[in-house]
Amino acid sequence: MKIMAFSDLHLGAAHAAELVAASDQADLVVGAGDFCNHRKGLDRAMALLSDIKTPLITVPGNAESAEELRAAALPGMHVLHGERMEFEGLQIFGLGGGIPQTPFGEWSYDLSEKDAEALLAGCQHADILICHSPPKGQGDATSLGTSVGSTAILQAVERLQPQLALFGHIHDSWGFRGQIGTTLAANLGPTSNFFDVTL
């Protein structure tokens, strides 16, 4: 199965147009959070993506909450936050938000490591793990070289060993590809990233 994945659209109209155009080459589209900015403009972000006809699975970023994303979701779009779903035989688990908590203030939709660990504990198997935040030490370096990823997500990837761990959040590490055991870990960014997954 061919997966197209992206993150951190942040209301970028040019990126959205590219994603829409590329989406018909995929069997499934994954959006790993931060569709809008500072909890504003989510309806506009969804309108930019509304011509995607391929099934779309998303998680909230820290720029929108799970409740806000569910309320604004496009027809047929699935929003996962501490939840699992099956898609054509694939087990997919999603967890959104900034993990660990960000320094951005009250507008940011964040989770503590403890809360993230509790939500991830409910997942016993996943072929694809979609998070907004990166696992600790994997595509989580800021422009200053500081590692700001999540230990809870790293531990979940190590335990579950999904085929793919997809995330965004740390803009300075967009395009990162790495391995955690047998798992391909990818910091996506707002362009189309294609992956092949075996059933």
Foldseek 3Di string as FASTA:
>chain_A
DKEKEAEQCQLVLVLLVQCQVCLVVGQEYEYQENQHALQPDPLVSCVSNQSRPHQYEYEYEQNHHQVRCVVNDHVNYHYAALDWDDDPRFIEHEHYFDEPDDPPDDSTGHDYLVVLLVSLVVDPEGQEYRYAFFAFPFLQQAPVGDTRGHPSVLVSCLRHVHQEYEYANRPVSAATWDDDPNHIYHHHHSHIDMDDGDD
